[in-house]
Amino acid sequence: MRSFVLLRRLCGAGGIPLSEIEQLEQVWNNGNPFPIALRELLFLAGNSCYVLDYGWFDGCGQQMQVDARQWMTEEGMERTITRPFYIIEVRLLESFLMVYLDEGDNPYVRNVFLPHEDESSLGDLGWLYSTDRTLKNFIDSGIDDVKKGHNPF
């Protein structure tokens, strides 16, 4: 995928080793391989990526997965997602971007907004909604923003 080659150039050596990706698959996808687009993203830029915001985390590995899922249990933000998913970006302590792991090799990126108090401001979108972009398209868009000189965030 051309976009992931450009991502590698932007992120340098920011990838997660394949052995760690396989450990993540064991924990978060019942040992099943992640979608190809997610595996490539993790391998090329899972620890350092210019177009994804990992907050204060050192990448989108194990700790980010654990902490963001913990936020889903806190008072006022109780949310349940029953399908297997993987978090690719965090935004403060109240929202994140994720992909479902059971919808093919290039899943759609989804926004998860946790606080109940502001839910009415989301209107028809609800607290979990699609960005209408696949993971590859989402990364392409971020790369295009950087190439144009814009901040990807």
C-alpha atoms as a PDB file:
ATOM      1  CA  MET A   1       0.000   0.000   0.000  1.00  0.00           C
ATOM      2  CA  ARG A   2       1.546   3.246  -1.182  1.00  0.00           C
ATOM      3  CA  SER A   3       0.151   5.235   1.746  1.00  0.00           C
ATOM      4  CA  PHE A   4       1.888   3.014   4.272  1.00  0.00           C
ATOM      5  CA  VAL A   5       5.223   3.462   2.465  1.00  0.00           C
ATOM      6  CA  LEU A   6       4.803   7.239   2.829  1.00  0.00           C
ATOM      7  CA  LEU A   7       3.783   6.715   6.445  1.00  0.00           C
ATOM      8  CA  ARG A   8       7.023   4.833   7.053  1.00  0.00           C
ATOM      9  CA  ARG A   9       8.975   7.797   5.713  1.00  0.00           C
ATOM     10  CA  LEU A  10       7.064  10.210   7.966  1.00  0.00           C
ATOM     11  CA  CYS A  11       7.391   8.049  11.058  1.00  0.00           C
ATOM     12  CA  GLY A  12      10.915   6.749  10.720  1.00  0.00           C
ATOM     13  CA  ALA A  13      11.519   3.576  12.699  1.00  0.00           C
ATOM     14  CA  GLY A  14       8.336   3.917  14.716  1.00  0.00           C
ATOM     15  CA  GLY A  15       6.963   0.442  14.199  1.00  0.00           C
ATOM     16  CA  ILE A  16       6.006  -2.335  16.579  1.00  0.00           C
ATOM     17  CA  PRO A  17       7.939  -5.589  16.020  1.00  0.00           C
ATOM     18  CA  LEU A  18       5.940  -8.441  14.508  1.00  0.00           C
ATOM     19  CA  SER A  19       6.389 -10.505  17.680  1.00  0.00           C
ATOM     20  CA  GLU A  20       4.650  -7.767  19.716  1.00  0.00           C
ATOM     21  CA  ILE A  21       1.875  -7.452  17.119  1.00  0.00           C
ATOM     22  CA  GLU A  22       1.263 -11.170  17.487  1.00  0.00           C
ATOM     23  CA  GLN A  23       1.031 -10.719  21.276  1.00  0.00           C
ATOM     24  CA  LEU A  24      -1.487  -7.912  20.766  1.00  0.00           C
ATOM     25  CA  GLU A  25      -3.502 -10.196  18.479  1.00  0.00           C
ATOM     26  CA  GLN A  26      -3.568 -12.832  21.229  1.00  0.00           C
ATOM     27  CA  VAL A  27      -4.935 -10.369  23.773  1.00  0.00           C
ATOM     28  CA  TRP A  28      -7.289  -8.213  21.689  1.00  0.00           C
ATOM     29  CA  ASN A  29      -8.416 -10.530  18.869  1.00  0.00           C
ATOM     30  CA  ASN A  30      -8.510 -13.994  20.453  1.00  0.00           C
ATOM     31  CA  GLY A  31      -5.312 -14.985  18.653  1.00  0.00           C
ATOM     32  CA  ASN A  32      -6.724 -14.165  15.217  1.00  0.00           C
ATOM     33  CA  PRO A  33      -4.618 -11.981  12.906  1.00  0.00           C
ATOM     34  CA  PHE A  34      -5.512  -8.311  12.797  1.00  0.00           C
ATOM     35  CA  PRO A  35      -6.828  -6.860   9.526  1.00  0.00           C
ATOM     36  CA  ILE A  36      -3.968  -6.366   7.059  1.00  0.00           C
ATOM     37  CA  ALA A  37      -4.252  -2.554   7.103  1.00  0.00           C
ATOM     38  CA  LEU A  38      -3.975  -2.514  10.911  1.00  0.00           C
ATOM     39  CA  ARG A  39      -1.023  -4.925  10.941  1.00  0.00           C
ATOM     40  CA  GLU A  40       0.788  -2.710   8.432  1.00  0.00           C
ATOM     41  CA  LEU A  41       0.033   0.429  10.430  1.00  0.00           C
ATOM     42  CA  LEU A  42       1.307  -1.151  13.648  1.00  0.00           C
ATOM     43  CA  PHE A  43       4.403  -2.563  11.958  1.00  0.00           C
ATOM     44  CA  LEU A  44       5.314   0.739  10.297  1.00  0.00           C
ATOM     45  CA  ALA A  45       4.138   3.334  12.815  1.00  0.00           C
ATOM     46  CA  GLY A  46       2.667   1.696  15.912  1.00  0.00           C
ATOM     47  CA  ASN A  47       5.110   3.400  18.282  1.00  0.00           C
ATOM     48  CA  SER A  48       5.622   6.721  16.542  1.00  0.00           C
ATOM     49  CA  CYS A  49       3.300   8.198  13.956  1.00  0.00           C
ATOM     50  CA  TYR A  50       3.032  11.741  12.684  1.00  0.00           C
ATOM     51  CA  VAL A  51      -0.598  11.414  11.591  1.00  0.00           C
ATOM     52  CA  LEU A  52      -2.067   9.697  14.690  1.00  0.00           C
ATOM     53  CA  ASP A  53      -2.283  11.150  18.183  1.00  0.00           C
ATOM     54  CA  TYR A  54      -1.216   8.667  20.860  1.00  0.00           C
ATOM     55  CA  GLY A  55      -1.613  11.235  23.637  1.00  0.00           C
ATOM     56  CA  TRP A  56       0.945  10.615  26.352  1.00  0.00           C
ATOM     57  CA  PHE A  57       1.277   6.955  25.357  1.00  0.00           C
ATOM     58  CA  ASP A  58       4.412   5.614  23.703  1.00  0.00           C
ATOM     59  CA  GLY A  59       2.373   4.316  20.779  1.00  0.00           C
ATOM     60  CA  CYS A  60      -0.837   2.425  20.174  1.00  0.00           C
ATOM     61  CA  GLY A  61       0.320  -0.751  21.873  1.00  0.00           C
ATOM     62  CA  GLN A  62      -0.820  -2.603  24.965  1.00  0.00           C
ATOM     63  CA  GLN A  63      -0.942   0.244  27.496  1.00  0.00           C
ATOM     64  CA  MET A  64      -3.091   2.483  25.325  1.00  0.00           C
ATOM     65  CA  GLN A  65      -5.523  -0.393  24.763  1.00  0.00           C
ATOM     66  CA  VAL A  66      -5.798  -1.122  28.483  1.00  0.00           C
ATOM     67  CA  ASP A  67      -6.148   2.492  29.631  1.00  0.00           C
ATOM     68  CA  ALA A  68      -8.700   3.559  27.012  1.00  0.00           C
ATOM     69  CA  ARG A  69     -10.841   0.516  27.801  1.00  0.00           C
ATOM     70  CA  GLN A  70     -10.607   1.455  31.480  1.00  0.00           C
ATOM     71  CA  TRP A  71     -12.048   4.891  30.651  1.00  0.00           C
ATOM     72  CA  MET A  72     -15.128   3.052  29.340  1.00  0.00           C
ATOM     73  CA  THR A  73     -15.877   1.841  32.889  1.00  0.00           C
ATOM     74  CA  GLU A  74     -15.576   5.179  34.681  1.00  0.00           C
ATOM     75  CA  GLU A  75     -18.609   6.943  36.096  1.00  0.00           C
ATOM     76  CA  GLY A  76     -20.410   9.016  33.501  1.00  0.00           C
ATOM     77  CA  MET A  77     -18.648   7.269  30.637  1.00  0.00           C
ATOM     78  CA  GLU A  78     -19.895   3.693  30.960  1.00  0.00           C
ATOM     79  CA  ARG A  79     -19.883   2.206  27.471  1.00  0.00           C
ATOM     80  CA  THR A  80     -19.824  -1.342  26.153  1.00  0.00           C
ATOM     81  CA  ILE A  81     -18.513  -2.523  22.804  1.00  0.00           C
ATOM     82  CA  THR A  82     -19.220  -6.204  22.244  1.00  0.00           C
ATOM     83  CA  ARG A  83     -17.268  -6.758  19.029  1.00  0.00           C
ATOM     84  CA  PRO A  84     -13.473  -7.091  18.983  1.00  0.00           C
ATOM     85  CA  PHE A  85     -11.858  -3.708  18.381  1.00  0.00           C
ATOM     86  CA  TYR A  86      -8.499  -1.974  18.426  1.00  0.00           C
ATOM     87  CA  ILE A  87      -7.834   1.634  19.406  1.00  0.00           C
ATOM     88  CA  ILE A  88      -5.618   3.572  16.996  1.00  0.00           C
ATOM     89  CA  GLU A  89      -5.755   7.086  18.485  1.00  0.00           C
ATOM     90  CA  VAL A  90      -6.762   8.696  21.781  1.00  0.00           C
ATOM     91  CA  ARG A  91      -8.169  12.129  22.400  1.00  0.00           C
ATOM     92  CA  LEU A  92      -7.893  13.337  25.978  1.00  0.00           C
ATOM     93  CA  LEU A  93      -9.535  10.966  28.477  1.00  0.00           C
ATOM     94  CA  GLU A  94     -12.914  10.916  26.852  1.00  0.00           C
ATOM     95  CA  SER A  95     -12.736   9.745  23.264  1.00  0.00           C
ATOM     96  CA  PHE A  96     -10.748   7.623  20.871  1.00  0.00           C
ATOM     97  CA  LEU A  97     -10.635   6.278  17.342  1.00  0.00           C
ATOM     98  CA  MET A  98     -10.900   2.550  16.790  1.00  0.00           C
ATOM     99  CA  VAL A  99     -11.443  -0.143  14.198  1.00  0.00           C
ATOM    100  CA  TYR A 100     -13.469  -3.304  14.497  1.00  0.00           C
ATOM    101  CA  LEU A 101     -11.344  -6.374  13.967  1.00  0.00           C
ATOM    102  CA  ASP A 102     -14.075  -8.431  12.317  1.00  0.00           C
ATOM    103  CA  GLU A 103     -14.881  -6.424   9.196  1.00  0.00           C
ATOM    104  CA  GLY A 104     -12.202  -7.362   6.709  1.00  0.00           C
ATOM    105  CA  ASP A 105      -8.668  -6.309   5.884  1.00  0.00           C
ATOM    106  CA  ASN A 106      -9.354  -2.561   5.648  1.00  0.00           C
ATOM    107  CA  PRO A 107     -11.907  -1.749   8.368  1.00  0.00           C
ATOM    108  CA  TYR A 108     -13.695   1.564   8.852  1.00  0.00           C
ATOM    109  CA  VAL A 109     -12.345   3.970  11.456  1.00  0.00           C
ATOM    110  CA  ARG A 110     -14.891   4.840  14.139  1.00  0.00           C
ATOM    111  CA  ASN A 111     -15.131   7.623  16.714  1.00  0.00           C
ATOM    112  CA  VAL A 112     -16.009   6.660  20.271  1.00  0.00           C
ATOM    113  CA  PHE A 113     -17.210   9.493  22.488  1.00  0.00           C
ATOM    114  CA  LEU A 114     -17.519   8.389  26.104  1.00  0.00           C
ATOM    115  CA  PRO A 115     -19.108  11.162  28.254  1.00  0.00           C
ATOM    116  CA  HIS A 116     -22.854  10.797  28.663  1.00  0.00           C
ATOM    117  CA  GLU A 117     -23.319  14.445  29.690  1.00  0.00           C
ATOM    118  CA  ASP A 118     -22.517  15.781  26.212  1.00  0.00           C
ATOM    119  CA  GLU A 119     -24.197  13.010  24.237  1.00  0.00           C
ATOM    120  CA  SER A 120     -27.042  15.243  23.045  1.00  0.00           C
ATOM    121  CA  SER A 121     -24.523  17.424  21.186  1.00  0.00           C
ATOM    122  CA  LEU A 122     -23.704  14.446  18.941  1.00  0.00           C
ATOM    123  CA  GLY A 123     -27.234  14.378  17.550  1.00  0.00           C
ATOM    124  CA  ASP A 124     -28.023  11.398  15.347  1.00  0.00           C
ATOM    125  CA  LEU A 125     -24.400  10.241  15.339  1.00  0.00           C
ATOM    126  CA  GLY A 126     -24.551   8.667  18.783  1.00  0.00           C
ATOM    127  CA  TRP A 127     -21.550   7.873  20.961  1.00  0.00           C
ATOM    128  CA  LEU A 128     -19.964   5.420  18.486  1.00  0.00           C
ATOM    129  CA  TYR A 129     -20.026   6.397  14.839  1.00  0.00           C
ATOM    130  CA  SER A 130     -18.131   5.760  11.625  1.00  0.00           C
ATOM    131  CA  THR A 131     -15.825   8.339  10.081  1.00  0.00           C
ATOM    132  CA  ASP A 132     -16.917   6.898   6.717  1.00  0.00           C
ATOM    133  CA  ARG A 133     -13.233   6.267   5.956  1.00  0.00           C
ATOM    134  CA  THR A 134     -11.442   2.968   5.917  1.00  0.00           C
ATOM    135  CA  LEU A 135      -8.194   2.762   7.859  1.00  0.00           C
ATOM    136  CA  LYS A 136      -6.182   3.108   4.662  1.00  0.00           C
ATOM    137  CA  ASN A 137      -8.235   6.145   3.565  1.00  0.00           C
ATOM    138  CA  PHE A 138      -7.925   7.682   7.022  1.00  0.00           C
ATOM    139  CA  ILE A 139      -4.116   7.374   6.955  1.00  0.00           C
ATOM    140  CA  ASP A 140      -4.002   8.630   3.322  1.00  0.00           C
ATOM    141  CA  SER A 141      -5.952  11.717   4.373  1.00  0.00           C
ATOM    142  CA  GLY A 142      -3.542  12.436   7.244  1.00  0.00           C
ATOM    143  CA  ILE A 143      -0.551  11.995   4.954  1.00  0.00           C
ATOM    144  CA  ASP A 144      -2.105  14.305   2.351  1.00  0.00           C
ATOM    145  CA  ASP A 145      -2.626  16.966   5.042  1.00  0.00           C
ATOM    146  CA  VAL A 146       1.046  16.727   6.065  1.00  0.00           C
ATOM    147  CA  LYS A 147       2.208  16.877   2.435  1.00  0.00           C
ATOM    148  CA  LYS A 148       0.164  20.081   2.009  1.00  0.00           C
ATOM    149  CA  GLY A 149       1.841  21.590   5.056  1.00  0.00           C
ATOM    150  CA  HIS A 150      -1.186  21.257   7.342  1.00  0.00           C
ATOM    151  CA  ASN A 151      -1.224  19.894  10.858  1.00  0.00           C
ATOM    152  CA  PRO A 152      -2.803  16.398  10.684  1.00  0.00           C
ATOM    153  CA  PHE A 153      -4.644  17.023  13.965  1.00  0.00           C
END
